[in-house]
Amino acid sequence: MEIEIHVIHYLVISTVMMFCGIYGFFTRKNLLALLISVELMLNAVNVNFAVFNRYLFPDRLEGHFFSLFGIAVAAAETAVAIAIIINVYRNVKQVLTDDITDLKG
């Protein structure tokens, strides 16, 4: 027995991931939690790329290439963000967004 999964199921998962990322981004004060929220939003977009490619153009791979490009951009963004967070921690000894304003001046 083969179970068929429709586009709507993937889109619901992607939408939940996106809104969890948005909620986490606006409610968290920890820089690492903000970074995780941004990664969650980027992964939701990558799921959409792959799903729309699979169902709209099953014989092409553009959506998968866009997903791979998105993963590469997310990896680079994560490396830069973690480097910034490490430098903030060295200067302030905390990684909360409220403490970033202490770096001014």
PDB file of N, CA and C in Angstrom:
ATOM      1  N   MET A   1       0.845  -1.176   0.000  1.00  0.00           N
ATOM      2  CA  MET A   1       0.000   0.000   0.000  1.00  0.00           C
ATOM      3  C   MET A   1       0.892   1.241   0.000  1.00  0.00           C
ATOM      4  N   GLU A   2       0.698   2.084  -0.979  1.00  0.00           N
ATOM      5  CA  GLU A   2       1.504   3.286  -1.118  1.00  0.00           C
ATOM      6  C   GLU A   2       0.739   4.487  -0.574  1.00  0.00           C
ATOM      7  N   ILE A   3       1.397   5.236   0.278  1.00  0.00           N
ATOM      8  CA  ILE A   3       0.782   6.429   0.852  1.00  0.00           C
ATOM      9  C   ILE A   3       1.231   7.628   0.035  1.00  0.00           C
ATOM     10  N   GLU A   4       0.271   8.379  -0.462  1.00  0.00           N
ATOM     11  CA  GLU A   4       0.584   9.555  -1.270  1.00  0.00           C
ATOM     12  C   GLU A   4       0.518  10.806  -0.403  1.00  0.00           C
ATOM     13  N   ILE A   5       1.591  11.575  -0.453  1.00  0.00           N
ATOM     14  CA  ILE A   5       1.645  12.817   0.318  1.00  0.00           C
ATOM     15  C   ILE A   5       1.470  13.975  -0.662  1.00  0.00           C
ATOM     16  N   HIS A   6       0.483  14.805  -0.423  1.00  0.00           N
ATOM     17  CA  HIS A   6       0.174  15.905  -1.320  1.00  0.00           C
ATOM     18  C   HIS A   6       0.984  17.146  -0.962  1.00  0.00           C
ATOM     19  N   VAL A   7       0.936  18.115  -1.849  1.00  0.00           N
ATOM     20  CA  VAL A   7       1.681  19.356  -1.671  1.00  0.00           C
ATOM     21  C   VAL A   7       1.263  20.059  -0.384  1.00  0.00           C
ATOM     22  N   ILE A   8      -0.001  20.011  -0.061  1.00  0.00           N
ATOM     23  CA  ILE A   8      -0.505  20.753   1.089  1.00  0.00           C
ATOM     24  C   ILE A   8       0.153  20.294   2.386  1.00  0.00           C
ATOM     25  N   HIS A   9       0.487  19.016   2.474  1.00  0.00           N
ATOM     26  CA  HIS A   9       1.132  18.517   3.692  1.00  0.00           C
ATOM     27  C   HIS A   9       2.517  19.140   3.870  1.00  0.00           C
ATOM     28  N   TYR A  10       3.269  19.220   2.793  1.00  0.00           N
ATOM     29  CA  TYR A  10       4.592  19.856   2.859  1.00  0.00           C
ATOM     30  C   TYR A  10       4.468  21.349   3.155  1.00  0.00           C
ATOM     31  N   LEU A  11       3.475  21.982   2.544  1.00  0.00           N
ATOM     32  CA  LEU A  11       3.306  23.417   2.758  1.00  0.00           C
ATOM     33  C   LEU A  11       2.868  23.729   4.186  1.00  0.00           C
ATOM     34  N   VAL A  12       2.084  22.866   4.793  1.00  0.00           N
ATOM     35  CA  VAL A  12       1.695  23.062   6.191  1.00  0.00           C
ATOM     36  C   VAL A  12       2.923  22.958   7.092  1.00  0.00           C
ATOM     37  N   ILE A  13       3.768  21.960   6.843  1.00  0.00           N
ATOM     38  CA  ILE A  13       4.995  21.812   7.632  1.00  0.00           C
ATOM     39  C   ILE A  13       5.895  23.028   7.445  1.00  0.00           C
ATOM     40  N   SER A  14       6.030  23.479   6.213  1.00  0.00           N
ATOM     41  CA  SER A  14       6.865  24.638   5.927  1.00  0.00           C
ATOM     42  C   SER A  14       6.309  25.899   6.580  1.00  0.00           C
ATOM     43  N   THR A  15       5.000  26.061   6.565  1.00  0.00           N
ATOM     44  CA  THR A  15       4.378  27.223   7.188  1.00  0.00           C
ATOM     45  C   THR A  15       4.568  27.209   8.698  1.00  0.00           C
ATOM     46  N   VAL A  16       4.429  26.052   9.308  1.00  0.00           N
ATOM     47  CA  VAL A  16       4.645  25.937  10.751  1.00  0.00           C
ATOM     48  C   VAL A  16       6.098  26.272  11.088  1.00  0.00           C
ATOM     49  N   MET A  17       7.030  25.756  10.274  1.00  0.00           N
ATOM     50  CA  MET A  17       8.445  26.073  10.502  1.00  0.00           C
ATOM     51  C   MET A  17       8.696  27.574  10.382  1.00  0.00           C
ATOM     52  N   MET A  18       8.096  28.208   9.375  1.00  0.00           N
ATOM     53  CA  MET A  18       8.305  29.640   9.167  1.00  0.00           C
ATOM     54  C   MET A  18       7.752  30.455  10.340  1.00  0.00           C
ATOM     55  N   PHE A  19       6.552  30.139  10.782  1.00  0.00           N
ATOM     56  CA  PHE A  19       5.969  30.898  11.881  1.00  0.00           C
ATOM     57  C   PHE A  19       6.666  30.625  13.208  1.00  0.00           C
ATOM     58  N   CYS A  20       7.174  29.410  13.414  1.00  0.00           N
ATOM     59  CA  CYS A  20       7.976  29.151  14.613  1.00  0.00           C
ATOM     60  C   CYS A  20       9.256  29.983  14.582  1.00  0.00           C
ATOM     61  N   GLY A  21       9.863  30.103  13.406  1.00  0.00           N
ATOM     62  CA  GLY A  21      11.059  30.928  13.270  1.00  0.00           C
ATOM     63  C   GLY A  21      10.768  32.399  13.507  1.00  0.00           C
ATOM     64  N   ILE A  22       9.678  32.888  12.950  1.00  0.00           N
ATOM     65  CA  ILE A  22       9.306  34.295  13.143  1.00  0.00           C
ATOM     66  C   ILE A  22       8.993  34.564  14.608  1.00  0.00           C
ATOM     67  N   TYR A  23       8.243  33.660  15.234  1.00  0.00           N
ATOM     68  CA  TYR A  23       7.914  33.826  16.656  1.00  0.00           C
ATOM     69  C   TYR A  23       9.187  33.836  17.503  1.00  0.00           C
ATOM     70  N   GLY A  24      10.084  32.897  17.231  1.00  0.00           N
ATOM     71  CA  GLY A  24      11.330  32.839  17.990  1.00  0.00           C
ATOM     72  C   GLY A  24      12.195  34.061  17.781  1.00  0.00           C
ATOM     73  N   PHE A  25      12.195  34.591  16.565  1.00  0.00           N
ATOM     74  CA  PHE A  25      13.013  35.762  16.272  1.00  0.00           C
ATOM     75  C   PHE A  25      12.530  36.987  17.041  1.00  0.00           C
ATOM     76  N   PHE A  26      11.227  37.140  17.145  1.00  0.00           N
ATOM     77  CA  PHE A  26      10.685  38.325  17.809  1.00  0.00           C
ATOM     78  C   PHE A  26      10.551  38.196  19.326  1.00  0.00           C
ATOM     79  N   THR A  27      10.635  36.992  19.863  1.00  0.00           N
ATOM     80  CA  THR A  27      10.425  36.833  21.299  1.00  0.00           C
ATOM     81  C   THR A  27      11.691  36.513  22.082  1.00  0.00           C
ATOM     82  N   ARG A  28      12.726  36.025  21.451  1.00  0.00           N
ATOM     83  CA  ARG A  28      13.945  35.636  22.161  1.00  0.00           C
ATOM     84  C   ARG A  28      14.905  36.805  22.300  1.00  0.00           C
ATOM     85  N   LYS A  29      15.683  36.783  23.366  1.00  0.00           N
ATOM     86  CA  LYS A  29      16.699  37.816  23.589  1.00  0.00           C
ATOM     87  C   LYS A  29      18.107  37.260  23.460  1.00  0.00           C
ATOM     88  N   ASN A  30      18.243  35.953  23.434  1.00  0.00           N
ATOM     89  CA  ASN A  30      19.539  35.319  23.298  1.00  0.00           C
ATOM     90  C   ASN A  30      19.937  35.312  21.818  1.00  0.00           C
ATOM     91  N   LEU A  31      21.162  35.719  21.528  1.00  0.00           N
ATOM     92  CA  LEU A  31      21.605  35.798  20.136  1.00  0.00           C
ATOM     93  C   LEU A  31      21.642  34.430  19.457  1.00  0.00           C
ATOM     94  N   LEU A  32      21.987  33.393  20.206  1.00  0.00           N
ATOM     95  CA  LEU A  32      21.987  32.055  19.614  1.00  0.00           C
ATOM     96  C   LEU A  32      20.572  31.588  19.277  1.00  0.00           C
ATOM     97  N   ALA A  33      19.611  31.915  20.122  1.00  0.00           N
ATOM     98  CA  ALA A  33      18.219  31.568  19.830  1.00  0.00           C
ATOM     99  C   ALA A  33      17.724  32.333  18.601  1.00  0.00           C
ATOM    100  N   LEU A  34      18.161  33.581  18.455  1.00  0.00           N
ATOM    101  CA  LEU A  34      17.807  34.341  17.259  1.00  0.00           C
ATOM    102  C   LEU A  34      18.395  33.695  16.011  1.00  0.00           C
ATOM    103  N   LEU A  35      19.628  33.238  16.112  1.00  0.00           N
ATOM    104  CA  LEU A  35      20.279  32.574  14.976  1.00  0.00           C
ATOM    105  C   LEU A  35      19.551  31.289  14.608  1.00  0.00           C
ATOM    106  N   ILE A  36      19.143  30.519  15.592  1.00  0.00           N
ATOM    107  CA  ILE A  36      18.395  29.291  15.330  1.00  0.00           C
ATOM    108  C   ILE A  36      17.057  29.618  14.666  1.00  0.00           C
ATOM    109  N   SER A  37      16.424  30.691  15.078  1.00  0.00           N
ATOM    110  CA  SER A  37      15.152  31.092  14.481  1.00  0.00           C
ATOM    111  C   SER A  37      15.327  31.490  13.018  1.00  0.00           C
ATOM    112  N   VAL A  38      16.396  32.200  12.719  1.00  0.00           N
ATOM    113  CA  VAL A  38      16.665  32.570  11.332  1.00  0.00           C
ATOM    114  C   VAL A  38      16.935  31.326  10.493  1.00  0.00           C
ATOM    115  N   GLU A  39      17.674  30.383  11.041  1.00  0.00           N
ATOM    116  CA  GLU A  39      17.944  29.133  10.321  1.00  0.00           C
ATOM    117  C   GLU A  39      16.653  28.355  10.072  1.00  0.00           C
ATOM    118  N   LEU A  40      15.747  28.381  11.023  1.00  0.00           N
ATOM    119  CA  LEU A  40      14.467  27.701  10.848  1.00  0.00           C
ATOM    120  C   LEU A  40      13.664  28.329   9.701  1.00  0.00           C
ATOM    121  N   MET A  41      13.700  29.658   9.619  1.00  0.00           N
ATOM    122  CA  MET A  41      13.006  30.332   8.519  1.00  0.00           C
ATOM    123  C   MET A  41      13.652  29.999   7.173  1.00  0.00           C
ATOM    124  N   LEU A  42      14.978  29.970   7.126  1.00  0.00           N
ATOM    125  CA  LEU A  42      15.661  29.625   5.874  1.00  0.00           C
ATOM    126  C   LEU A  42      15.367  28.187   5.452  1.00  0.00           C
ATOM    127  N   ASN A  43      15.280  27.282   6.415  1.00  0.00           N
ATOM    128  CA  ASN A  43      14.955  25.898   6.082  1.00  0.00           C
ATOM    129  C   ASN A  43      13.522  25.755   5.583  1.00  0.00           C
ATOM    130  N   ALA A  44      12.621  26.564   6.086  1.00  0.00           N
ATOM    131  CA  ALA A  44      11.245  26.544   5.576  1.00  0.00           C
ATOM    132  C   ALA A  44      11.210  26.965   4.110  1.00  0.00           C
ATOM    133  N   VAL A  45      12.009  27.962   3.777  1.00  0.00           N
ATOM    134  CA  VAL A  45      12.088  28.400   2.379  1.00  0.00           C
ATOM    135  C   VAL A  45      12.682  27.297   1.505  1.00  0.00           C
ATOM    136  N   ASN A  46      13.703  26.612   2.000  1.00  0.00           N
ATOM    137  CA  ASN A  46      14.312  25.523   1.230  1.00  0.00           C
ATOM    138  C   ASN A  46      13.332  24.378   0.990  1.00  0.00           C
ATOM    139  N   VAL A  47      12.506  24.090   1.978  1.00  0.00           N
ATOM    140  CA  VAL A  47      11.477  23.061   1.789  1.00  0.00           C
ATOM    141  C   VAL A  47      10.514  23.487   0.687  1.00  0.00           C
ATOM    142  N   ASN A  48      10.127  24.761   0.678  1.00  0.00           N
ATOM    143  CA  ASN A  48       9.232  25.252  -0.374  1.00  0.00           C
ATOM    144  C   ASN A  48       9.870  25.142  -1.750  1.00  0.00           C
ATOM    145  N   PHE A  49      11.144  25.496  -1.868  1.00  0.00           N
ATOM    146  CA  PHE A  49      11.831  25.350  -3.153  1.00  0.00           C
ATOM    147  C   PHE A  49      11.760  23.920  -3.663  1.00  0.00           C
ATOM    148  N   ALA A  50      12.078  22.976  -2.799  1.00  0.00           N
ATOM    149  CA  ALA A  50      12.100  21.572  -3.211  1.00  0.00           C
ATOM    150  C   ALA A  50      10.702  21.059  -3.546  1.00  0.00           C
ATOM    151  N   VAL A  51       9.717  21.447  -2.748  1.00  0.00           N
ATOM    152  CA  VAL A  51       8.353  20.954  -2.970  1.00  0.00           C
ATOM    153  C   VAL A  51       7.770  21.513  -4.264  1.00  0.00           C
ATOM    154  N   PHE A  52       7.907  22.826  -4.474  1.00  0.00           N
ATOM    155  CA  PHE A  52       7.349  23.392  -5.698  1.00  0.00           C
ATOM    156  C   PHE A  52       8.072  22.872  -6.931  1.00  0.00           C
ATOM    157  N   ASN A  53       9.359  22.622  -6.824  1.00  0.00           N
ATOM    158  CA  ASN A  53      10.075  22.035  -7.950  1.00  0.00           C
ATOM    159  C   ASN A  53       9.555  20.629  -8.234  1.00  0.00           C
ATOM    160  N   ARG A  54       9.340  19.846  -7.200  1.00  0.00           N
ATOM    161  CA  ARG A  54       8.903  18.457  -7.359  1.00  0.00           C
ATOM    162  C   ARG A  54       7.516  18.370  -7.988  1.00  0.00           C
ATOM    163  N   TYR A  55       6.619  19.256  -7.587  1.00  0.00           N
ATOM    164  CA  TYR A  55       5.246  19.134  -8.064  1.00  0.00           C
ATOM    165  C   TYR A  55       4.954  19.966  -9.317  1.00  0.00           C
ATOM    166  N   LEU A  56       5.685  21.042  -9.552  1.00  0.00           N
ATOM    167  CA  LEU A  56       5.429  21.852 -10.741  1.00  0.00           C
ATOM    168  C   LEU A  56       6.310  21.467 -11.921  1.00  0.00           C
ATOM    169  N   PHE A  57       7.565  21.126 -11.634  1.00  0.00           N
ATOM    170  CA  PHE A  57       8.510  20.773 -12.692  1.00  0.00           C
ATOM    171  C   PHE A  57       9.270  19.517 -12.288  1.00  0.00           C
ATOM    172  N   PRO A  58       8.624  18.363 -12.325  1.00  0.00           N
ATOM    173  CA  PRO A  58       9.273  17.142 -11.806  1.00  0.00           C
ATOM    174  C   PRO A  58      10.488  16.693 -12.612  1.00  0.00           C
ATOM    175  N   ASP A  59      10.621  17.145 -13.854  1.00  0.00           N
ATOM    176  CA  ASP A  59      11.744  16.713 -14.680  1.00  0.00           C
ATOM    177  C   ASP A  59      12.935  17.664 -14.610  1.00  0.00           C
ATOM    178  N   ARG A  60      12.828  18.734 -13.846  1.00  0.00           N
ATOM    179  CA  ARG A  60      13.912  19.706 -13.724  1.00  0.00           C
ATOM    180  C   ARG A  60      14.428  19.746 -12.295  1.00  0.00           C
ATOM    181  N   LEU A  61      15.589  20.362 -12.109  1.00  0.00           N
ATOM    182  CA  LEU A  61      16.216  20.379 -10.788  1.00  0.00           C
ATOM    183  C   LEU A  61      16.486  21.778 -10.261  1.00  0.00           C
ATOM    184  N   GLU A  62      15.842  22.789 -10.839  1.00  0.00           N
ATOM    185  CA  GLU A  62      16.121  24.159 -10.410  1.00  0.00           C
ATOM    186  C   GLU A  62      15.805  24.386  -8.936  1.00  0.00           C
ATOM    187  N   GLY A  63      14.694  23.875  -8.461  1.00  0.00           N
ATOM    188  CA  GLY A  63      14.324  24.048  -7.066  1.00  0.00           C
ATOM    189  C   GLY A  63      15.325  23.408  -6.127  1.00  0.00           C
ATOM    190  N   HIS A  64      15.852  22.260  -6.521  1.00  0.00           N
ATOM    191  CA  HIS A  64      16.849  21.597  -5.686  1.00  0.00           C
ATOM    192  C   HIS A  64      18.153  22.381  -5.663  1.00  0.00           C
ATOM    193  N   PHE A  65      18.511  22.952  -6.818  1.00  0.00           N
ATOM    194  CA  PHE A  65      19.722  23.776  -6.846  1.00  0.00           C
ATOM    195  C   PHE A  65      19.552  25.038  -6.004  1.00  0.00           C
ATOM    196  N   PHE A  66      18.361  25.643  -6.055  1.00  0.00           N
ATOM    197  CA  PHE A  66      18.094  26.797  -5.201  1.00  0.00           C
ATOM    198  C   PHE A  66      18.172  26.398  -3.722  1.00  0.00           C
ATOM    199  N   SER A  67      17.676  25.208  -3.394  1.00  0.00           N
ATOM    200  CA  SER A  67      17.766  24.737  -2.007  1.00  0.00           C
ATOM    201  C   SER A  67      19.215  24.547  -1.584  1.00  0.00           C
ATOM    202  N   LEU A  68      20.023  23.951  -2.468  1.00  0.00           N
ATOM    203  CA  LEU A  68      21.441  23.774  -2.143  1.00  0.00           C
ATOM    204  C   LEU A  68      22.143  25.118  -1.994  1.00  0.00           C
ATOM    205  N   PHE A  69      21.796  26.067  -2.853  1.00  0.00           N
ATOM    206  CA  PHE A  69      22.369  27.414  -2.732  1.00  0.00           C
ATOM    207  C   PHE A  69      21.931  28.056  -1.418  1.00  0.00           C
ATOM    208  N   GLY A  70      20.674  27.877  -1.057  1.00  0.00           N
ATOM    209  CA  GLY A  70      20.170  28.406   0.218  1.00  0.00           C
ATOM    210  C   GLY A  70      20.867  27.784   1.405  1.00  0.00           C
ATOM    211  N   ILE A  71      21.167  26.492   1.334  1.00  0.00           N
ATOM    212  CA  ILE A  71      21.892  25.827   2.409  1.00  0.00           C
ATOM    213  C   ILE A  71      23.310  26.377   2.518  1.00  0.00           C
ATOM    214  N   ALA A  72      23.951  26.635   1.369  1.00  0.00           N
ATOM    215  CA  ALA A  72      25.298  27.209   1.382  1.00  0.00           C
ATOM    216  C   ALA A  72      25.296  28.613   1.969  1.00  0.00           C
ATOM    217  N   VAL A  73      24.312  29.418   1.597  1.00  0.00           N
ATOM    218  CA  VAL A  73      24.201  30.771   2.153  1.00  0.00           C
ATOM    219  C   VAL A  73      23.936  30.708   3.657  1.00  0.00           C
ATOM    220  N   ALA A  74      23.089  29.783   4.080  1.00  0.00           N
ATOM    221  CA  ALA A  74      22.796  29.639   5.508  1.00  0.00           C
ATOM    222  C   ALA A  74      24.038  29.211   6.280  1.00  0.00           C
ATOM    223  N   ALA A  75      24.853  28.341   5.694  1.00  0.00           N
ATOM    224  CA  ALA A  75      26.084  27.915   6.373  1.00  0.00           C
ATOM    225  C   ALA A  75      27.057  29.085   6.516  1.00  0.00           C
ATOM    226  N   ALA A  76      27.191  29.884   5.465  1.00  0.00           N
ATOM    227  CA  ALA A  76      28.079  31.048   5.543  1.00  0.00           C
ATOM    228  C   ALA A  76      27.549  32.064   6.552  1.00  0.00           C
ATOM    229  N   GLU A  77      26.253  32.279   6.529  1.00  0.00           N
ATOM    230  CA  GLU A  77      25.636  33.218   7.479  1.00  0.00           C
ATOM    231  C   GLU A  77      25.810  32.739   8.915  1.00  0.00           C
ATOM    232  N   THR A  78      25.698  31.446   9.130  1.00  0.00           N
ATOM    233  CA  THR A  78      25.876  30.894  10.465  1.00  0.00           C
ATOM    234  C   THR A  78      27.312  31.067  10.946  1.00  0.00           C
ATOM    235  N   ALA A  79      28.273  30.835  10.072  1.00  0.00           N
ATOM    236  CA  ALA A  79      29.683  30.988  10.453  1.00  0.00           C
ATOM    237  C   ALA A  79      29.988  32.432  10.843  1.00  0.00           C
ATOM    238  N   VAL A  80      29.495  33.379  10.060  1.00  0.00           N
ATOM    239  CA  VAL A  80      29.727  34.791  10.375  1.00  0.00           C
ATOM    240  C   VAL A  80      28.998  35.185  11.651  1.00  0.00           C
ATOM    241  N   ALA A  81      27.773  34.731  11.813  1.00  0.00           N
ATOM    242  CA  ALA A  81      26.994  35.086  13.013  1.00  0.00           C
ATOM    243  C   ALA A  81      27.617  34.503  14.274  1.00  0.00           C
ATOM    244  N   ILE A  82      28.107  33.282  14.207  1.00  0.00           N
ATOM    245  CA  ILE A  82      28.731  32.695  15.392  1.00  0.00           C
ATOM    246  C   ILE A  82      30.024  33.426  15.728  1.00  0.00           C
ATOM    247  N   ALA A  83      30.775  33.847  14.722  1.00  0.00           N
ATOM    248  CA  ALA A  83      31.988  34.634  14.978  1.00  0.00           C
ATOM    249  C   ALA A  83      31.638  35.955  15.661  1.00  0.00           C
ATOM    250  N   ILE A  84      30.579  36.599  15.215  1.00  0.00           N
ATOM    251  CA  ILE A  84      30.140  37.848  15.850  1.00  0.00           C
ATOM    252  C   ILE A  84      29.680  37.592  17.282  1.00  0.00           C
ATOM    253  N   ILE A  85      28.933  36.520  17.485  1.00  0.00           N
ATOM    254  CA  ILE A  85      28.443  36.196  18.827  1.00  0.00           C
ATOM    255  C   ILE A  85      29.603  35.897  19.767  1.00  0.00           C
ATOM    256  N   ILE A  86      30.625  35.205  19.288  1.00  0.00           N
ATOM    257  CA  ILE A  86      31.800  34.925  20.119  1.00  0.00           C
ATOM    258  C   ILE A  86      32.497  36.222  20.506  1.00  0.00           C
ATOM    259  N   ASN A  87      32.637  37.152  19.563  1.00  0.00           N
ATOM    260  CA  ASN A  87      33.263  38.435  19.884  1.00  0.00           C
ATOM    261  C   ASN A  87      32.425  39.253  20.862  1.00  0.00           C
ATOM    262  N   VAL A  88      31.115  39.208  20.727  1.00  0.00           N
ATOM    263  CA  VAL A  88      30.240  39.902  21.675  1.00  0.00           C
ATOM    264  C   VAL A  88      30.397  39.283  23.061  1.00  0.00           C
ATOM    265  N   TYR A  89      30.462  37.971  23.127  1.00  0.00           N
ATOM    266  CA  TYR A  89      30.620  37.310  24.425  1.00  0.00           C
ATOM    267  C   TYR A  89      31.959  37.674  25.073  1.00  0.00           C
ATOM    268  N   ARG A  90      33.002  37.778  24.282  1.00  0.00           N
ATOM    269  CA  ARG A  90      34.315  38.160  24.833  1.00  0.00           C
ATOM    270  C   ARG A  90      34.293  39.568  25.421  1.00  0.00           C
ATOM    271  N   ASN A  91      33.535  40.456  24.815  1.00  0.00           N
ATOM    272  CA  ASN A  91      33.500  41.840  25.283  1.00  0.00           C
ATOM    273  C   ASN A  91      32.496  42.075  26.405  1.00  0.00           C
ATOM    274  N   VAL A  92      31.338  41.437  26.325  1.00  0.00           N
ATOM    275  CA  VAL A  92      30.243  41.741  27.249  1.00  0.00           C
ATOM    276  C   VAL A  92      30.020  40.632  28.279  1.00  0.00           C
ATOM    277  N   LYS A  93      30.492  39.434  28.000  1.00  0.00           N
ATOM    278  CA  LYS A  93      30.324  38.249  28.862  1.00  0.00           C
ATOM    279  C   LYS A  93      28.896  37.723  28.897  1.00  0.00           C
ATOM    280  N   GLN A  94      28.055  38.184  27.991  1.00  0.00           N
ATOM    281  CA  GLN A  94      26.708  37.650  27.812  1.00  0.00           C
ATOM    282  C   GLN A  94      26.341  37.757  26.336  1.00  0.00           C
ATOM    283  N   VAL A  95      25.358  36.983  25.926  1.00  0.00           N
ATOM    284  CA  VAL A  95      24.921  37.030  24.526  1.00  0.00           C
ATOM    285  C   VAL A  95      23.447  37.404  24.428  1.00  0.00           C
ATOM    286  N   LEU A  96      23.035  38.372  25.220  1.00  0.00           N
ATOM    287  CA  LEU A  96      21.661  38.860  25.168  1.00  0.00           C
ATOM    288  C   LEU A  96      21.597  40.117  24.308  1.00  0.00           C
ATOM    289  N   THR A  97      20.482  40.319  23.621  1.00  0.00           N
ATOM    290  CA  THR A  97      20.357  41.463  22.739  1.00  0.00           C
ATOM    291  C   THR A  97      20.354  42.784  23.509  1.00  0.00           C
ATOM    292  N   ASP A  98      19.928  42.778  24.755  1.00  0.00           N
ATOM    293  CA  ASP A  98      19.926  44.010  25.548  1.00  0.00           C
ATOM    294  C   ASP A  98      21.349  44.493  25.826  1.00  0.00           C
ATOM    295  N   ASP A  99      22.295  43.578  25.885  1.00  0.00           N
ATOM    296  CA  ASP A  99      23.667  43.938  26.203  1.00  0.00           C
ATOM    297  C   ASP A  99      24.450  44.436  24.989  1.00  0.00           C
ATOM    298  N   ILE A 100      23.919  44.276  23.813  1.00  0.00           N
ATOM    299  CA  ILE A 100      24.620  44.724  22.597  1.00  0.00           C
ATOM    300  C   ILE A 100      24.726  46.250  22.571  1.00  0.00           C
ATOM    301  N   THR A 101      23.773  46.940  23.157  1.00  0.00           N
ATOM    302  CA  THR A 101      23.824  48.400  23.152  1.00  0.00           C
ATOM    303  C   THR A 101      24.991  48.939  23.976  1.00  0.00           C
ATOM    304  N   ASP A 102      25.544  48.118  24.849  1.00  0.00           N
ATOM    305  CA  ASP A 102      26.716  48.513  25.627  1.00  0.00           C
ATOM    306  C   ASP A 102      27.965  48.673  24.753  1.00  0.00           C
ATOM    307  N   LEU A 103      27.938  48.098  23.543  1.00  0.00           N
ATOM    308  CA  LEU A 103      29.105  48.156  22.660  1.00  0.00           C
ATOM    309  C   LEU A 103      29.212  49.499  21.940  1.00  0.00           C
ATOM    310  N   LYS A 104      28.167  50.308  21.980  1.00  0.00           N
ATOM    311  CA  LYS A 104      28.225  51.609  21.337  1.00  0.00           C
ATOM    312  C   LYS A 104      29.186  52.531  22.077  1.00  0.00           C
ATOM    313  N   GLY A 105      29.806  53.413  21.304  1.00  0.00           N
ATOM    314  CA  GLY A 105      30.628  54.416  21.970  1.00  0.00           C
ATOM    315  C   GLY A 105      32.022  54.091  21.944  1.00  0.00           C
TER     316      GLY A 105
END
